[in-house]
Amino acid sequence: MPFVNINVKKGKSGEYKVAILDGVRNALIETIKVSEDNTFQRIYELDEDNFIYPRSRTENVTIIEITMYKGRTVEAKKALYKAINLNLAKNPGIAGNDISIVIYDLPPEDMVLEDGKPINE
């Protein structure tokens, strides 16, 4: 049950943002076998005043943070990074240099199900 937070600069179209959400979701499904109905994703749009990034990046700079259960292999994570980059290059056309991805691995007891119980209960 990954939780995904995505940061982009304000002003992108709805289609652009949906393409990012779909690209990340599809990469999660393809590479780490997440169930199609088992992801939470949010896009945060940041004003110019609230988003500082390296000058080598363009207006399409995108930061993706994925919080998921611990236990994925390094190979699986590399496949996920590659799939996200390929998907977002295809649609909406974000260059790999503009994409930064961070994965937070948490033990199951640090993530909670809908009923408020830790995963290990």
N, C-alpha and C. Protein backbone atom coordinates (compact mmCIF):
# COMPACT_ATOMS: atom_id res chain seq x y z
N MET A 1 0.84 -1.18 0.00
CA MET A 1 0.00 0.00 0.00
C MET A 1 0.89 1.24 0.00
N PRO A 2 1.51 1.55 -1.13
CA PRO A 2 2.36 2.74 -1.17
C PRO A 2 1.57 4.04 -1.04
N PHE A 3 2.21 5.01 -0.42
CA PHE A 3 1.71 6.38 -0.35
C PHE A 3 2.68 7.23 -1.16
N VAL A 4 2.16 7.98 -2.12
CA VAL A 4 3.01 8.74 -3.04
C VAL A 4 2.67 10.22 -2.93
N ASN A 5 3.68 11.03 -2.70
CA ASN A 5 3.56 12.49 -2.72
C ASN A 5 4.42 13.01 -3.87
N ILE A 6 3.82 13.85 -4.69
CA ILE A 6 4.51 14.39 -5.86
C ILE A 6 4.47 15.91 -5.79
N ASN A 7 5.61 16.54 -5.96
CA ASN A 7 5.71 18.01 -5.95
C ASN A 7 6.06 18.50 -7.34
N VAL A 8 5.28 19.46 -7.83
CA VAL A 8 5.53 20.10 -9.12
C VAL A 8 5.32 21.60 -8.94
N LYS A 9 5.82 22.36 -9.92
CA LYS A 9 5.57 23.80 -9.90
C LYS A 9 4.12 24.07 -10.29
N LYS A 10 3.54 25.05 -9.66
CA LYS A 10 2.17 25.44 -9.94
C LYS A 10 2.01 25.89 -11.39
N GLY A 11 0.85 25.59 -11.96
CA GLY A 11 0.55 26.05 -13.30
C GLY A 11 0.43 24.94 -14.33
N LYS A 12 0.64 23.70 -13.95
CA LYS A 12 0.53 22.58 -14.89
C LYS A 12 -0.95 22.26 -15.12
N SER A 13 -1.25 21.78 -16.31
CA SER A 13 -2.64 21.45 -16.66
C SER A 13 -3.10 20.19 -15.92
N GLY A 14 -4.40 20.02 -15.88
CA GLY A 14 -4.97 18.81 -15.28
C GLY A 14 -4.49 17.56 -15.98
N GLU A 15 -4.41 17.61 -17.31
CA GLU A 15 -3.95 16.45 -18.09
C GLU A 15 -2.50 16.11 -17.73
N TYR A 16 -1.68 17.11 -17.56
CA TYR A 16 -0.27 16.92 -17.20
C TYR A 16 -0.17 16.20 -15.86
N LYS A 17 -0.94 16.68 -14.87
CA LYS A 17 -0.89 16.09 -13.54
C LYS A 17 -1.44 14.66 -13.53
N VAL A 18 -2.51 14.41 -14.27
CA VAL A 18 -3.06 13.05 -14.36
C VAL A 18 -2.04 12.12 -15.01
N ALA A 19 -1.31 12.60 -16.02
CA ALA A 19 -0.29 11.78 -16.68
C ALA A 19 0.80 11.38 -15.68
N ILE A 20 1.19 12.30 -14.81
CA ILE A 20 2.18 11.97 -13.78
C ILE A 20 1.62 10.91 -12.84
N LEU A 21 0.42 11.13 -12.33
CA LEU A 21 -0.20 10.17 -11.42
C LEU A 21 -0.30 8.79 -12.06
N ASP A 22 -0.77 8.74 -13.31
CA ASP A 22 -0.91 7.47 -14.01
C ASP A 22 0.45 6.81 -14.24
N GLY A 23 1.44 7.60 -14.63
CA GLY A 23 2.77 7.04 -14.89
C GLY A 23 3.40 6.43 -13.66
N VAL A 24 3.27 7.10 -12.53
CA VAL A 24 3.82 6.56 -11.28
C VAL A 24 3.04 5.32 -10.86
N ARG A 25 1.73 5.40 -10.90
CA ARG A 25 0.89 4.27 -10.50
C ARG A 25 1.17 3.04 -11.36
N ASN A 26 1.24 3.23 -12.67
CA ASN A 26 1.51 2.11 -13.56
C ASN A 26 2.88 1.50 -13.30
N ALA A 27 3.87 2.33 -12.99
CA ALA A 27 5.20 1.82 -12.66
C ALA A 27 5.17 0.98 -11.39
N LEU A 28 4.41 1.43 -10.39
CA LEU A 28 4.27 0.66 -9.15
C LEU A 28 3.62 -0.70 -9.42
N ILE A 29 2.61 -0.71 -10.25
CA ILE A 29 1.90 -1.95 -10.58
C ILE A 29 2.81 -2.90 -11.36
N GLU A 30 3.52 -2.36 -12.35
CA GLU A 30 4.37 -3.18 -13.21
C GLU A 30 5.59 -3.75 -12.51
N THR A 31 6.24 -2.96 -11.68
CA THR A 31 7.55 -3.37 -11.15
C THR A 31 7.51 -4.02 -9.78
N ILE A 32 6.71 -3.48 -8.88
CA ILE A 32 6.69 -4.07 -7.53
C ILE A 32 5.36 -4.75 -7.23
N LYS A 33 4.56 -4.90 -8.28
CA LYS A 33 3.33 -5.70 -8.22
C LYS A 33 2.32 -5.20 -7.19
N VAL A 34 2.18 -3.89 -7.10
CA VAL A 34 1.15 -3.30 -6.24
C VAL A 34 -0.20 -3.55 -6.89
N SER A 35 -1.20 -3.86 -6.11
CA SER A 35 -2.56 -4.06 -6.61
C SER A 35 -3.06 -2.76 -7.24
N GLU A 36 -3.83 -2.87 -8.32
CA GLU A 36 -4.32 -1.69 -9.03
C GLU A 36 -5.11 -0.73 -8.15
N ASP A 37 -5.78 -1.24 -7.13
CA ASP A 37 -6.61 -0.38 -6.29
C ASP A 37 -5.98 -0.14 -4.92
N ASN A 38 -4.65 -0.24 -4.85
CA ASN A 38 -4.02 -0.18 -3.54
C ASN A 38 -2.90 0.86 -3.46
N THR A 39 -3.11 2.03 -4.07
CA THR A 39 -2.14 3.12 -3.92
C THR A 39 -2.86 4.41 -3.54
N PHE A 40 -2.17 5.22 -2.79
CA PHE A 40 -2.64 6.56 -2.46
C PHE A 40 -1.63 7.53 -3.06
N GLN A 41 -2.10 8.49 -3.85
CA GLN A 41 -1.20 9.44 -4.49
C GLN A 41 -1.75 10.86 -4.35
N ARG A 42 -0.80 11.81 -4.16
CA ARG A 42 -1.18 13.22 -4.08
C ARG A 42 -0.18 14.04 -4.86
N ILE A 43 -0.68 15.07 -5.51
CA ILE A 43 0.20 16.05 -6.16
C ILE A 43 0.07 17.36 -5.41
N TYR A 44 1.22 17.92 -5.07
CA TYR A 44 1.27 19.24 -4.46
C TYR A 44 1.85 20.20 -5.49
N GLU A 45 1.13 21.29 -5.73
CA GLU A 45 1.60 22.32 -6.63
C GLU A 45 2.19 23.45 -5.80
N LEU A 46 3.43 23.80 -6.10
CA LEU A 46 4.13 24.79 -5.31
C LEU A 46 4.38 26.07 -6.11
N ASP A 47 4.14 27.20 -5.45
CA ASP A 47 4.45 28.50 -6.05
C ASP A 47 5.96 28.66 -6.20
N GLU A 48 6.36 29.52 -7.11
CA GLU A 48 7.78 29.82 -7.34
C GLU A 48 8.49 30.15 -6.03
N ASP A 49 7.83 30.89 -5.14
CA ASP A 49 8.43 31.29 -3.86
C ASP A 49 8.65 30.12 -2.91
N ASN A 50 7.99 29.00 -3.16
CA ASN A 50 8.05 27.86 -2.25
C ASN A 50 8.77 26.65 -2.84
N PHE A 51 9.49 26.84 -3.92
CA PHE A 51 10.11 25.71 -4.59
C PHE A 51 11.46 26.15 -5.16
N ILE A 52 12.51 25.82 -4.45
CA ILE A 52 13.86 26.12 -4.92
C ILE A 52 14.47 24.81 -5.40
N TYR A 53 15.08 24.83 -6.58
CA TYR A 53 15.67 23.63 -7.14
C TYR A 53 16.91 24.02 -7.95
N PRO A 54 17.77 23.05 -8.27
CA PRO A 54 19.01 23.37 -9.00
C PRO A 54 18.73 24.04 -10.34
N ARG A 55 19.60 24.92 -10.73
CA ARG A 55 19.45 25.65 -11.99
C ARG A 55 19.53 24.73 -13.20
N SER A 56 20.09 23.54 -13.01
CA SER A 56 20.19 22.58 -14.11
C SER A 56 18.84 21.95 -14.43
N ARG A 57 17.84 22.19 -13.60
CA ARG A 57 16.50 21.64 -13.81
C ARG A 57 15.65 22.65 -14.56
N THR A 58 14.57 22.16 -15.20
CA THR A 58 13.67 23.04 -15.93
C THR A 58 12.40 23.29 -15.13
N GLU A 59 11.45 23.96 -15.76
CA GLU A 59 10.15 24.23 -15.14
C GLU A 59 9.37 22.94 -14.86
N ASN A 60 9.82 21.81 -15.42
CA ASN A 60 9.14 20.53 -15.22
C ASN A 60 9.69 19.73 -14.05
N VAL A 61 10.54 20.35 -13.23
CA VAL A 61 11.11 19.65 -12.10
C VAL A 61 10.01 18.96 -11.30
N THR A 62 10.25 17.69 -10.95
CA THR A 62 9.23 16.87 -10.29
C THR A 62 9.92 16.04 -9.20
N ILE A 63 9.41 16.14 -7.98
CA ILE A 63 9.94 15.36 -6.86
C ILE A 63 8.87 14.34 -6.47
N ILE A 64 9.28 13.08 -6.45
CA ILE A 64 8.36 11.99 -6.13
C ILE A 64 8.86 11.29 -4.88
N GLU A 65 8.03 11.25 -3.84
CA GLU A 65 8.35 10.56 -2.59
C GLU A 65 7.39 9.39 -2.44
N ILE A 66 7.95 8.20 -2.26
CA ILE A 66 7.14 6.99 -2.13
C ILE A 66 7.42 6.36 -0.78
N THR A 67 6.38 6.21 0.02
CA THR A 67 6.48 5.53 1.30
C THR A 67 5.82 4.17 1.14
N MET A 68 6.58 3.11 1.44
CA MET A 68 6.04 1.76 1.27
C MET A 68 6.66 0.82 2.29
N TYR A 69 6.12 -0.40 2.34
CA TYR A 69 6.62 -1.39 3.27
C TYR A 69 8.05 -1.77 2.94
N LYS A 70 8.82 -1.98 3.97
CA LYS A 70 10.20 -2.43 3.83
C LYS A 70 10.21 -3.83 3.21
N GLY A 71 11.28 -4.12 2.48
CA GLY A 71 11.44 -5.49 1.99
C GLY A 71 11.66 -5.62 0.50
N ARG A 72 11.51 -4.53 -0.27
CA ARG A 72 11.77 -4.61 -1.71
C ARG A 72 13.28 -4.68 -1.95
N THR A 73 13.67 -5.44 -2.93
CA THR A 73 15.09 -5.56 -3.25
C THR A 73 15.59 -4.30 -3.95
N VAL A 74 16.91 -4.15 -3.97
CA VAL A 74 17.52 -3.03 -4.69
C VAL A 74 17.16 -3.12 -6.16
N GLU A 75 17.13 -4.34 -6.71
CA GLU A 75 16.78 -4.52 -8.12
C GLU A 75 15.35 -4.06 -8.39
N ALA A 76 14.44 -4.38 -7.49
CA ALA A 76 13.04 -3.96 -7.66
C ALA A 76 12.93 -2.44 -7.62
N LYS A 77 13.66 -1.80 -6.73
CA LYS A 77 13.63 -0.34 -6.64
C LYS A 77 14.22 0.29 -7.89
N LYS A 78 15.32 -0.27 -8.39
CA LYS A 78 15.91 0.26 -9.63
C LYS A 78 14.95 0.11 -10.79
N ALA A 79 14.23 -1.01 -10.85
CA ALA A 79 13.23 -1.21 -11.90
C ALA A 79 12.11 -0.18 -11.77
N LEU A 80 11.72 0.13 -10.54
CA LEU A 80 10.69 1.13 -10.30
C LEU A 80 11.16 2.51 -10.77
N TYR A 81 12.38 2.90 -10.40
CA TYR A 81 12.92 4.19 -10.83
C TYR A 81 12.92 4.29 -12.36
N LYS A 82 13.40 3.24 -13.00
CA LYS A 82 13.48 3.24 -14.46
C LYS A 82 12.10 3.35 -15.10
N ALA A 83 11.14 2.57 -14.57
CA ALA A 83 9.77 2.60 -15.12
C ALA A 83 9.12 3.97 -14.95
N ILE A 84 9.31 4.59 -13.79
CA ILE A 84 8.75 5.94 -13.58
C ILE A 84 9.36 6.90 -14.59
N ASN A 85 10.68 6.87 -14.74
CA ASN A 85 11.34 7.78 -15.68
C ASN A 85 10.85 7.55 -17.11
N LEU A 86 10.73 6.31 -17.53
CA LEU A 86 10.26 6.01 -18.89
C LEU A 86 8.82 6.47 -19.08
N ASN A 87 7.96 6.17 -18.10
CA ASN A 87 6.55 6.56 -18.20
C ASN A 87 6.38 8.07 -18.28
N LEU A 88 7.11 8.80 -17.45
CA LEU A 88 6.96 10.26 -17.43
C LEU A 88 7.64 10.93 -18.62
N ALA A 89 8.65 10.28 -19.19
CA ALA A 89 9.26 10.80 -20.42
C ALA A 89 8.26 10.69 -21.57
N LYS A 90 7.54 9.58 -21.60
CA LYS A 90 6.56 9.35 -22.66
C LYS A 90 5.37 10.29 -22.52
N ASN A 91 4.86 10.41 -21.33
CA ASN A 91 3.69 11.26 -21.07
C ASN A 91 3.71 11.67 -19.60
N PRO A 92 3.89 12.92 -19.31
CA PRO A 92 3.68 14.14 -20.09
C PRO A 92 4.92 14.74 -20.74
N GLY A 93 6.02 14.00 -20.82
CA GLY A 93 7.21 14.52 -21.48
C GLY A 93 8.22 15.15 -20.54
N ILE A 94 8.43 14.55 -19.37
CA ILE A 94 9.39 15.08 -18.39
C ILE A 94 10.73 14.38 -18.60
N ALA A 95 11.78 15.16 -18.76
CA ALA A 95 13.13 14.60 -18.94
C ALA A 95 13.60 14.00 -17.62
N GLY A 96 14.41 12.96 -17.73
CA GLY A 96 14.93 12.28 -16.55
C GLY A 96 15.66 13.21 -15.59
N ASN A 97 16.34 14.21 -16.11
CA ASN A 97 17.06 15.17 -15.27
C ASN A 97 16.12 15.98 -14.38
N ASP A 98 14.86 16.05 -14.75
CA ASP A 98 13.89 16.82 -13.97
C ASP A 98 13.14 15.97 -12.94
N ILE A 99 13.45 14.69 -12.86
CA ILE A 99 12.74 13.80 -11.95
C ILE A 99 13.67 13.37 -10.81
N SER A 100 13.23 13.57 -9.58
CA SER A 100 13.93 13.07 -8.40
C SER A 100 12.97 12.16 -7.65
N ILE A 101 13.45 10.98 -7.27
CA ILE A 101 12.60 10.00 -6.61
C ILE A 101 13.26 9.59 -5.30
N VAL A 102 12.47 9.57 -4.24
CA VAL A 102 12.93 9.13 -2.92
C VAL A 102 11.97 8.06 -2.43
N ILE A 103 12.53 6.95 -1.97
CA ILE A 103 11.70 5.89 -1.38
C ILE A 103 11.98 5.83 0.11
N TYR A 104 10.91 5.82 0.89
CA TYR A 104 10.99 5.62 2.33
C TYR A 104 10.46 4.22 2.62
N ASP A 105 11.33 3.35 3.15
CA ASP A 105 10.94 1.99 3.52
C ASP A 105 10.59 1.96 5.00
N LEU A 106 9.36 1.58 5.29
CA LEU A 106 8.94 1.49 6.69
C LEU A 106 8.62 0.05 7.05
N PRO A 107 8.87 -0.33 8.29
CA PRO A 107 8.44 -1.65 8.72
C PRO A 107 6.91 -1.68 8.78
N PRO A 108 6.31 -2.84 8.56
CA PRO A 108 4.84 -2.92 8.52
C PRO A 108 4.14 -2.32 9.74
N GLU A 109 4.76 -2.42 10.91
CA GLU A 109 4.11 -1.90 12.12
C GLU A 109 4.04 -0.37 12.14
N ASP A 110 4.77 0.29 11.25
CA ASP A 110 4.74 1.75 11.17
C ASP A 110 3.71 2.27 10.18
N MET A 111 2.98 1.36 9.54
CA MET A 111 1.93 1.76 8.60
C MET A 111 0.62 1.14 9.10
N VAL A 112 -0.47 1.86 8.94
CA VAL A 112 -1.75 1.46 9.53
C VAL A 112 -2.79 1.22 8.44
N LEU A 113 -3.60 0.18 8.64
CA LEU A 113 -4.70 -0.12 7.73
C LEU A 113 -5.89 0.79 8.01
N GLU A 114 -6.94 0.63 7.20
CA GLU A 114 -8.14 1.46 7.33
C GLU A 114 -8.80 1.35 8.70
N ASP A 115 -8.69 0.18 9.32
CA ASP A 115 -9.36 -0.02 10.60
C ASP A 115 -8.54 0.50 11.79
N GLY A 116 -7.42 1.16 11.50
CA GLY A 116 -6.62 1.74 12.57
C GLY A 116 -5.65 0.80 13.23
N LYS A 117 -5.57 -0.43 12.74
CA LYS A 117 -4.68 -1.42 13.35
C LYS A 117 -3.38 -1.49 12.53
N PRO A 118 -2.25 -1.64 13.23
CA PRO A 118 -0.99 -1.84 12.51
C PRO A 118 -1.06 -3.09 11.64
N ILE A 119 -0.27 -3.13 10.59
CA ILE A 119 -0.27 -4.23 9.64
C ILE A 119 -0.01 -5.57 10.31
N ASN A 120 0.86 -5.61 11.32
CA ASN A 120 1.25 -6.88 11.92
C ASN A 120 0.25 -7.44 12.91
N GLU A 121 -0.87 -6.78 13.12
CA GLU A 121 -1.88 -7.31 14.06
C GLU A 121 -2.88 -8.18 13.35
